[in-house]
Amino acid sequence: MNMETRRAKILIVDDTPANVTLLTDLLEINGYLTVQATSGHEALDQLRRATPDLVLLDVRMPEMSGYEVCTRIREQPDTALLPVIMITAFDPAQERIHGIEAGADDFLSQPINQQELLARVRSLLRVKTLHDAVKAHAGELAEWNKKLEIRLSQEAKLAEVARSLADITHEVKNLIMPVVTGTELLEAELKELFAKLPQHERENGQASQNMCKEITEMLNNASQRIQERVKEIGDCVKNLSTPPNFSSCQVTGVVESVLKTLRLVANEKRILLRTEGLGSLPPIRADERRLFNVFYNLLNNAIPEVPSGGSVTVKGSVEPDSKNIIFSVADTGRGMSSEVRESLFTNRVISRKHGGTGLGTRIVKDVVDAHGGWIKVESEEGKGTTFVFSLPFEQPRQDAINA
């Protein structure tokens, strides 16, 4: 059940009873459910018992300010992405800065314009609906991924695995289509909604509009990459990969696409995704789609192994006195045993019963080999894991040099 089939619940936090009554009446008349809290501590207690769909939060309250409440909300995994609108009667420009630093999604000044409030509430609730849909479909896709891994591990012959992949690929595509279609419809609806708002309201709601755009782009990219990854797995198992399509590409753009696809998952786990040195690298001659899969597999495998507050870092540098670029993907996770390290990049890992199928690292090695590079892993239990690999960078054509 989503917010289109049920009434959204809004938590109103204000120490002034008159303000609480005004907001409660306005929201309930417009079809929303409301709960109230008259202090920051009471609001946090309410959130521990049940999570609403949105919070209207007064900035100036005794004992605990709205800023502190918002910070506490963002610190908890269950409420880290909960929409929060802060309300103030003071200097809106200065308060807005503090609110953004505390993690607020939007800001309103008193006296409150009722139509503006309702427009902001509707906008953020639409964003939350989209996010909830992403989480729900991500869970379904994860379940299908588990089924795929179980099937692969139980097949005696790779030929039999290849045949079973056709059915799963079809099911995954069917599962993705509602996400893609729903995203396109929601994106169009949001554009229409923002277009109808007065100019000053559109400017004030720019942050929400940008968030909507980022999430819809992430959904489209993720759906496309999931389909490509299923095909890549099938190619690996069947050993029927098409020849690489080499062209000049910048690694920075490829890695940024990967980070954009995985950012939501990493943010929910409070894991920092970082890059170092990629912007100064020369272009390389590579199959961009396969290169995306290299970084996607390495980062996607790393994120579940990293505890909350950890990081995954992608680095790149030109190897001295050579024509190679050295890349590394390092995490602050649990590391791996010597047994797992030795089985990486081999056929033996495909029949592994615990964890994933290992096809991700096998795909990575196959791609790196096809590009004329090498790959190795450095890891110790309890001290994280670093994958290091090389790729030749593109040399200028001789006719360009002569010119």
Protein backbone atom coordinates (compact mmCIF):
# COMPACT_ATOMS: atom_id res chain seq x y z
CA MET A 1 0.00 0.00 0.00
CA ASN A 2 1.40 3.44 -0.94
CA MET A 3 0.36 7.01 -0.29
CA GLU A 4 -1.92 6.98 -3.33
CA THR A 5 -4.11 4.33 -1.66
CA ARG A 6 -3.87 5.57 1.93
CA ARG A 7 -3.82 8.90 3.74
CA ALA A 8 -0.33 10.23 4.43
CA LYS A 9 0.51 10.84 8.10
CA ILE A 10 2.27 14.07 9.08
CA LEU A 11 3.99 14.76 12.40
CA ILE A 12 3.56 18.39 13.56
CA VAL A 13 6.19 19.56 16.05
CA ASP A 14 5.64 22.98 17.67
CA ASP A 15 5.64 24.22 21.27
CA THR A 16 2.91 26.79 20.51
CA PRO A 17 -0.57 25.18 20.81
CA ALA A 18 -2.17 27.72 18.46
CA ASN A 19 0.29 26.84 15.69
CA VAL A 20 -0.31 23.12 16.22
CA THR A 21 -4.08 23.63 15.99
CA LEU A 22 -3.79 25.77 12.85
CA LEU A 23 -1.57 23.25 11.03
CA THR A 24 -3.64 20.27 12.19
CA ASP A 25 -6.89 21.78 10.94
CA LEU A 26 -5.38 22.80 7.60
CA LEU A 27 -3.84 19.40 6.90
CA GLU A 28 -6.78 17.30 8.06
CA ILE A 29 -9.22 19.37 5.97
CA ASN A 30 -7.03 18.48 2.98
CA GLY A 31 -7.16 14.76 3.71
CA TYR A 32 -4.00 14.14 5.73
CA LEU A 33 -3.67 12.29 9.02
CA THR A 34 -1.78 14.17 11.72
CA VAL A 35 0.03 13.47 14.97
CA GLN A 36 1.33 16.19 17.26
CA ALA A 37 4.33 16.81 19.50
CA THR A 38 4.94 19.93 21.59
CA SER A 39 8.68 19.43 22.15
CA GLY A 40 11.72 17.92 20.49
CA HIS A 41 11.91 15.06 22.98
CA GLU A 42 8.25 14.19 22.43
CA ALA A 43 8.79 14.27 18.66
CA LEU A 44 11.68 11.80 18.88
CA ASP A 45 9.57 9.53 21.11
CA GLN A 46 6.80 9.63 18.48
CA LEU A 47 9.29 8.70 15.76
CA ARG A 48 10.58 5.74 17.76
CA ARG A 49 7.05 4.37 18.05
CA ALA A 50 5.94 4.92 14.44
CA THR A 51 7.45 6.68 11.43
CA PRO A 52 5.21 9.27 9.74
CA ASP A 53 5.43 10.21 6.07
CA LEU A 54 6.59 13.79 6.70
CA VAL A 55 7.56 16.11 9.58
CA LEU A 56 6.63 19.79 9.99
CA LEU A 57 9.20 21.06 12.47
CA ASP A 58 9.30 24.38 14.33
CA VAL A 59 12.82 25.81 14.55
CA ARG A 60 12.63 27.66 17.90
CA MET A 61 11.62 25.39 20.78
CA PRO A 62 12.84 25.24 24.40
CA GLU A 63 15.19 22.45 25.59
CA MET A 64 15.76 21.03 22.10
CA SER A 65 15.69 23.17 18.96
CA GLY A 66 14.28 22.08 15.63
CA TYR A 67 17.84 21.92 14.26
CA GLU A 68 18.85 19.37 16.89
CA VAL A 69 15.68 17.34 16.29
CA CYS A 70 16.38 17.31 12.54
CA THR A 71 19.98 16.22 13.14
CA ARG A 72 18.77 13.37 15.38
CA ILE A 73 16.28 12.32 12.68
CA ARG A 74 19.05 12.15 10.08
CA GLU A 75 21.28 10.08 12.38
CA GLN A 76 18.81 7.18 12.53
CA PRO A 77 18.78 4.76 9.55
CA ASP A 78 14.98 4.36 9.70
CA THR A 79 14.40 8.12 9.37
CA ALA A 80 17.52 9.26 7.51
CA LEU A 81 15.48 10.02 4.36
CA LEU A 82 12.25 11.12 6.08
CA PRO A 83 11.03 14.42 4.52
CA VAL A 84 11.37 17.35 6.96
CA ILE A 85 10.00 20.88 6.45
CA MET A 86 11.29 23.42 8.98
CA ILE A 87 9.18 26.44 9.98
CA THR A 88 10.52 29.71 11.40
CA ALA A 89 9.34 33.19 12.31
CA PHE A 90 12.87 34.61 12.19
CA ASP A 91 15.25 35.68 9.40
CA PRO A 92 14.48 33.05 6.73
CA ALA A 93 17.84 33.40 4.93
CA GLN A 94 19.95 32.71 8.03
CA GLU A 95 17.59 30.03 9.32
CA ARG A 96 17.62 28.31 5.92
CA ILE A 97 21.40 27.86 6.10
CA HIS A 98 21.18 26.27 9.56
CA GLY A 99 18.27 24.12 8.40
CA ILE A 100 20.13 22.79 5.36
CA GLU A 101 23.14 21.99 7.56
CA ALA A 102 20.85 20.05 9.91
CA GLY A 103 19.39 18.07 6.99
CA ALA A 104 16.05 19.81 6.30
CA ASP A 105 14.46 19.17 2.90
CA ASP A 106 12.51 22.43 2.72
CA PHE A 107 11.83 25.65 4.64
CA LEU A 108 8.77 27.84 5.32
CA SER A 109 8.56 31.26 6.95
CA GLN A 110 5.80 32.46 9.27
CA PRO A 111 3.15 33.66 8.79
CA ILE A 112 2.58 30.56 6.68
CA ASN A 113 0.99 30.80 3.25
CA GLN A 114 -1.46 27.91 3.30
CA GLN A 115 -1.29 27.17 -0.43
CA GLU A 116 2.50 27.23 -0.35
CA LEU A 117 2.55 24.84 2.61
CA LEU A 118 0.22 22.39 0.87
CA ALA A 119 2.26 22.56 -2.36
CA ARG A 120 5.50 21.82 -0.47
CA VAL A 121 3.88 18.96 1.43
CA ARG A 122 2.51 17.40 -1.77
CA SER A 123 5.87 17.74 -3.50
CA LEU A 124 7.87 16.05 -0.74
CA LEU A 125 5.28 13.31 -0.28
CA ARG A 126 5.55 12.50 -3.99
CA VAL A 127 9.32 12.19 -3.57
CA LYS A 128 8.80 9.89 -0.59
CA THR A 129 6.34 7.77 -2.57
CA LEU A 130 8.97 7.36 -5.29
CA HIS A 131 11.64 6.46 -2.74
CA ASP A 132 9.37 3.89 -1.08
CA ALA A 133 8.68 2.36 -4.50
CA VAL A 134 12.42 2.17 -5.17
CA LYS A 135 12.98 0.33 -1.88
CA ALA A 136 10.11 -2.07 -2.51
CA HIS A 137 11.28 -2.95 -6.02
CA ALA A 138 14.90 -3.15 -4.84
CA GLY A 139 13.80 -5.80 -2.35
CA GLU A 140 12.02 -7.75 -5.08
CA LEU A 141 15.02 -7.50 -7.37
CA ALA A 142 17.33 -8.62 -4.55
CA GLU A 143 15.08 -11.64 -4.04
CA TRP A 144 15.34 -12.49 -7.71
CA ASN A 145 19.11 -12.08 -7.51
CA LYS A 146 19.22 -14.62 -4.65
CA LYS A 147 17.15 -17.04 -6.70
CA LEU A 148 19.54 -16.58 -9.60
CA GLU A 149 22.56 -17.32 -7.39
CA ILE A 150 20.92 -20.44 -5.93
CA ARG A 151 20.11 -21.73 -9.40
CA LEU A 152 23.64 -21.13 -10.60
CA SER A 153 25.24 -22.85 -7.62
CA GLN A 154 23.03 -25.92 -7.99
CA GLU A 155 23.56 -26.51 -11.70
CA ALA A 156 26.08 -29.26 -12.51
CA LYS A 157 26.94 -27.90 -15.93
CA LEU A 158 27.34 -24.35 -17.17
CA ALA A 159 25.23 -25.21 -20.22
CA GLU A 160 22.27 -26.00 -17.98
CA VAL A 161 22.81 -22.75 -16.10
CA ALA A 162 22.73 -20.81 -19.38
CA ARG A 163 19.35 -22.28 -20.28
CA SER A 164 17.84 -21.36 -16.91
CA LEU A 165 19.10 -17.78 -17.25
CA ALA A 166 16.74 -17.12 -20.15
CA ASP A 167 13.69 -17.54 -17.92
CA ILE A 168 15.12 -15.45 -15.10
CA THR A 169 16.17 -12.69 -17.48
CA HIS A 170 12.61 -12.51 -18.81
CA GLU A 171 11.20 -12.35 -15.25
CA VAL A 172 13.66 -9.64 -14.22
CA LYS A 173 12.74 -7.56 -17.27
CA ASN A 174 9.04 -7.93 -16.43
CA LEU A 175 9.80 -6.82 -12.88
CA ILE A 176 11.72 -3.77 -14.05
CA MET A 177 9.13 -2.53 -16.56
CA PRO A 178 6.64 -1.20 -13.95
CA VAL A 179 9.50 0.72 -12.33
CA VAL A 180 10.52 2.29 -15.64
CA THR A 181 6.94 3.13 -16.66
CA GLY A 182 6.04 4.46 -13.21
CA THR A 183 9.17 6.59 -13.14
CA GLU A 184 8.35 8.20 -16.49
CA LEU A 185 4.77 8.94 -15.43
CA LEU A 186 5.85 10.34 -12.08
CA GLU A 187 8.54 12.48 -13.67
CA ALA A 188 6.00 13.98 -16.08
CA GLU A 189 3.53 14.59 -13.24
CA LEU A 190 6.16 16.28 -11.09
CA LYS A 191 7.22 18.55 -13.96
CA GLU A 192 3.59 19.54 -14.46
CA LEU A 193 3.16 20.18 -10.73
CA PHE A 194 6.22 22.43 -10.49
CA ALA A 195 5.22 24.27 -13.67
CA LYS A 196 1.88 25.24 -12.09
CA LEU A 197 3.50 26.76 -9.00
CA PRO A 198 4.05 30.55 -8.88
CA GLN A 199 7.57 31.69 -9.74
CA HIS A 200 8.64 32.41 -6.12
CA GLU A 201 7.37 29.01 -4.99
CA ARG A 202 9.26 27.26 -7.80
CA GLU A 203 12.45 29.01 -6.71
CA ASN A 204 11.93 28.08 -3.05
CA GLY A 205 11.15 24.48 -3.99
CA GLN A 206 14.17 24.08 -6.30
CA ALA A 207 15.87 21.67 -3.89
CA SER A 208 12.86 19.35 -3.95
CA GLN A 209 12.65 19.58 -7.75
CA ASN A 210 16.33 18.69 -8.09
CA MET A 211 15.86 15.76 -5.72
CA CYS A 212 12.96 14.45 -7.83
CA LYS A 213 15.07 14.70 -10.98
CA GLU A 214 18.03 12.90 -9.39
CA ILE A 215 15.87 10.03 -8.10
CA THR A 216 14.08 9.50 -11.42
CA GLU A 217 17.40 9.52 -13.28
CA MET A 218 18.82 7.05 -10.76
CA LEU A 219 15.84 4.74 -11.28
CA ASN A 220 16.18 4.79 -15.06
CA ASN A 221 19.94 4.22 -14.88
CA ALA A 222 19.58 1.42 -12.32
CA SER A 223 16.92 -0.35 -14.39
CA GLN A 224 19.09 -0.20 -17.50
CA ARG A 225 22.16 -1.44 -15.64
CA ILE A 226 20.26 -4.34 -14.05
CA GLN A 227 19.20 -5.56 -17.49
CA GLU A 228 22.75 -5.17 -18.79
CA ARG A 229 24.16 -7.03 -15.79
CA VAL A 230 21.80 -9.98 -16.27
CA LYS A 231 22.95 -10.18 -19.89
CA GLU A 232 26.57 -9.92 -18.78
CA ILE A 233 26.11 -12.85 -16.39
CA GLY A 234 24.55 -14.87 -19.17
CA ASP A 235 27.46 -14.05 -21.48
CA CYS A 236 29.96 -15.08 -18.82
CA VAL A 237 28.28 -18.41 -18.13
CA LYS A 238 27.78 -19.25 -21.80
CA ASN A 239 31.21 -17.88 -22.76
CA LEU A 240 29.49 -16.24 -25.71
CA SER A 241 30.44 -12.62 -25.04
CA THR A 242 30.46 -10.41 -28.07
CA PRO A 243 33.81 -8.79 -28.95
CA PRO A 244 34.52 -5.64 -26.92
CA ASN A 245 33.57 -2.36 -28.59
CA PHE A 246 36.63 -0.20 -27.93
CA SER A 247 36.45 3.58 -28.09
CA SER A 248 37.99 6.56 -26.34
CA CYS A 249 36.41 7.27 -22.96
CA GLN A 250 37.05 9.22 -19.77
CA VAL A 251 37.07 7.06 -16.65
CA THR A 252 35.70 9.92 -14.53
CA GLY A 253 32.36 9.84 -16.35
CA VAL A 254 32.10 6.05 -16.10
CA VAL A 255 32.81 6.05 -12.35
CA GLU A 256 30.39 8.93 -11.76
CA SER A 257 27.64 6.89 -13.47
CA VAL A 258 28.39 3.97 -11.16
CA LEU A 259 28.34 6.19 -8.06
CA LYS A 260 25.04 7.73 -9.16
CA THR A 261 23.53 4.25 -9.52
CA LEU A 262 24.74 3.07 -6.09
CA ARG A 263 24.48 6.36 -4.14
CA LEU A 264 21.03 5.67 -2.68
CA VAL A 265 22.07 2.25 -1.35
CA ALA A 266 25.30 3.67 0.11
CA ASN A 267 23.53 6.65 1.72
CA GLU A 268 21.01 4.38 3.42
CA LYS A 269 23.90 2.46 4.99
CA ARG A 270 25.74 5.75 5.77
CA ILE A 271 28.69 4.67 3.63
CA LEU A 272 30.82 7.32 1.93
CA LEU A 273 31.68 6.78 -1.76
CA ARG A 274 34.83 8.71 -2.71
CA THR A 275 37.11 9.24 -5.71
CA GLU A 276 40.73 10.39 -5.85
CA GLY A 277 42.84 11.38 -8.84
CA LEU A 278 40.38 10.42 -11.57
CA GLY A 279 39.89 13.92 -12.95
CA SER A 280 43.52 14.25 -14.10
CA LEU A 281 43.73 10.90 -15.90
CA PRO A 282 44.21 10.72 -19.69
CA PRO A 283 41.48 9.07 -21.77
CA ILE A 284 41.65 5.30 -22.17
CA ARG A 285 40.59 3.09 -25.06
CA ALA A 286 37.96 0.78 -23.62
CA ASP A 287 34.52 -0.78 -23.96
CA GLU A 288 32.60 1.74 -21.85
CA ARG A 289 29.74 -0.63 -20.96
CA ARG A 290 32.12 -3.35 -19.78
CA LEU A 291 34.24 -0.80 -17.92
CA PHE A 292 31.08 0.33 -16.11
CA ASN A 293 30.52 -3.30 -15.07
CA VAL A 294 34.05 -3.53 -13.65
CA PHE A 295 33.55 -0.58 -11.30
CA TYR A 296 29.90 -1.48 -10.62
CA ASN A 297 30.75 -5.04 -9.56
CA LEU A 298 33.66 -4.00 -7.35
CA LEU A 299 31.71 -1.23 -5.58
CA ASN A 300 28.47 -3.20 -5.38
CA ASN A 301 30.36 -6.12 -3.78
CA ALA A 302 32.14 -3.78 -1.35
CA ILE A 303 29.13 -1.86 0.02
CA PRO A 304 27.48 -4.81 1.88
CA GLU A 305 30.84 -5.61 3.55
CA VAL A 306 31.39 -2.09 4.92
CA PRO A 307 29.91 -1.14 8.32
CA SER A 308 27.91 2.06 8.80
CA GLY A 309 30.21 5.08 8.77
CA GLY A 310 32.78 3.37 6.54
CA SER A 311 33.87 4.21 3.02
CA VAL A 312 34.69 2.87 -0.44
CA THR A 313 37.32 4.81 -2.40
CA VAL A 314 38.10 4.66 -6.12
CA LYS A 315 41.59 5.92 -7.03
CA GLY A 316 43.44 6.29 -10.30
CA SER A 317 47.00 7.25 -11.26
CA VAL A 318 49.35 6.89 -14.22
CA GLU A 319 52.00 4.24 -13.58
CA PRO A 320 55.48 5.82 -13.83
CA ASP A 321 57.43 5.00 -17.01
CA SER A 322 54.61 2.97 -18.51
CA LYS A 323 51.51 3.26 -20.67
CA ASN A 324 49.19 1.99 -17.95
CA ILE A 325 46.78 3.55 -15.49
CA ILE A 326 46.57 1.89 -12.09
CA PHE A 327 43.11 1.83 -10.50
CA SER A 328 42.14 0.72 -7.02
CA VAL A 329 38.82 0.18 -5.26
CA ALA A 330 39.44 0.10 -1.50
CA ASP A 331 36.90 -0.43 1.27
CA THR A 332 37.00 -0.27 5.07
CA GLY A 333 35.01 -3.48 5.39
CA ARG A 334 35.51 -6.88 6.99
CA GLY A 335 38.15 -8.15 4.61
CA MET A 336 38.30 -11.74 3.37
CA SER A 337 40.00 -14.98 4.29
CA SER A 338 42.92 -16.44 2.34
CA GLU A 339 40.61 -19.20 1.06
CA VAL A 340 38.22 -16.68 -0.50
CA ARG A 341 41.11 -14.63 -1.94
CA GLU A 342 42.59 -17.68 -3.63
CA SER A 343 39.26 -18.64 -5.20
CA LEU A 344 38.52 -15.21 -6.66
CA PHE A 345 38.62 -14.89 -10.45
CA THR A 346 38.39 -18.70 -10.88
CA ASN A 347 35.68 -21.12 -11.97
CA ARG A 348 35.80 -22.69 -8.52
CA VAL A 349 34.09 -19.69 -6.96
CA ILE A 350 30.95 -20.27 -9.08
CA SER A 351 29.96 -23.29 -6.98
CA ARG A 352 30.57 -21.49 -3.69
CA LYS A 353 27.61 -22.11 -1.34
CA HIS A 354 27.99 -19.12 0.97
CA GLY A 355 27.64 -15.51 -0.15
CA GLY A 356 27.26 -14.67 -3.86
CA THR A 357 28.07 -16.73 -6.90
CA GLY A 358 31.38 -14.98 -7.50
CA LEU A 359 30.41 -14.20 -11.08
CA GLY A 360 30.94 -10.50 -10.37
CA THR A 361 34.69 -10.86 -9.79
CA ARG A 362 34.96 -13.35 -12.65
CA ILE A 363 33.33 -10.80 -14.97
CA VAL A 364 35.74 -8.13 -13.71
CA LYS A 365 38.80 -10.27 -14.49
CA ASP A 366 37.48 -11.23 -17.94
CA VAL A 367 36.92 -7.56 -18.81
CA VAL A 368 40.34 -6.46 -17.51
CA ASP A 369 42.01 -9.31 -19.44
CA ALA A 370 40.16 -8.31 -22.61
CA HIS A 371 41.57 -4.79 -22.23
CA GLY A 372 45.15 -6.05 -21.86
CA GLY A 373 45.41 -5.30 -18.15
CA TRP A 374 45.94 -7.23 -14.93
CA ILE A 375 44.10 -7.41 -11.60
CA LYS A 376 44.95 -8.48 -8.05
CA VAL A 377 43.33 -8.29 -4.62
CA GLU A 378 44.85 -7.24 -1.30
CA SER A 379 42.83 -8.14 1.76
CA GLU A 380 43.12 -9.20 5.38
CA GLU A 381 40.28 -10.20 7.66
CA GLY A 382 39.18 -7.22 9.74
CA LYS A 383 41.23 -4.72 7.70
CA GLY A 384 39.25 -4.18 4.52
CA THR A 385 39.82 -5.13 0.90
CA THR A 386 41.54 -3.40 -2.03
CA PHE A 387 41.21 -4.47 -5.66
CA VAL A 388 44.04 -3.12 -7.84
CA PHE A 389 43.99 -3.37 -11.62
CA SER A 390 45.69 -1.78 -14.62
CA LEU A 391 44.41 -0.62 -17.99
CA PRO A 392 46.46 0.85 -20.86
CA PHE A 393 45.65 4.47 -21.58
CA GLU A 394 44.98 5.73 -25.05
CA GLN A 395 47.97 6.84 -27.06
CA PRO A 396 47.57 9.69 -29.57
CA ARG A 397 47.37 8.51 -33.20
CA GLN A 398 50.59 8.93 -35.18
CA ASP A 399 48.88 11.12 -37.78
CA ALA A 400 47.74 13.46 -34.98
CA ILE A 401 51.31 13.66 -33.64
CA ASN A 402 52.75 14.40 -37.10
CA ALA A 403 50.18 17.14 -37.62
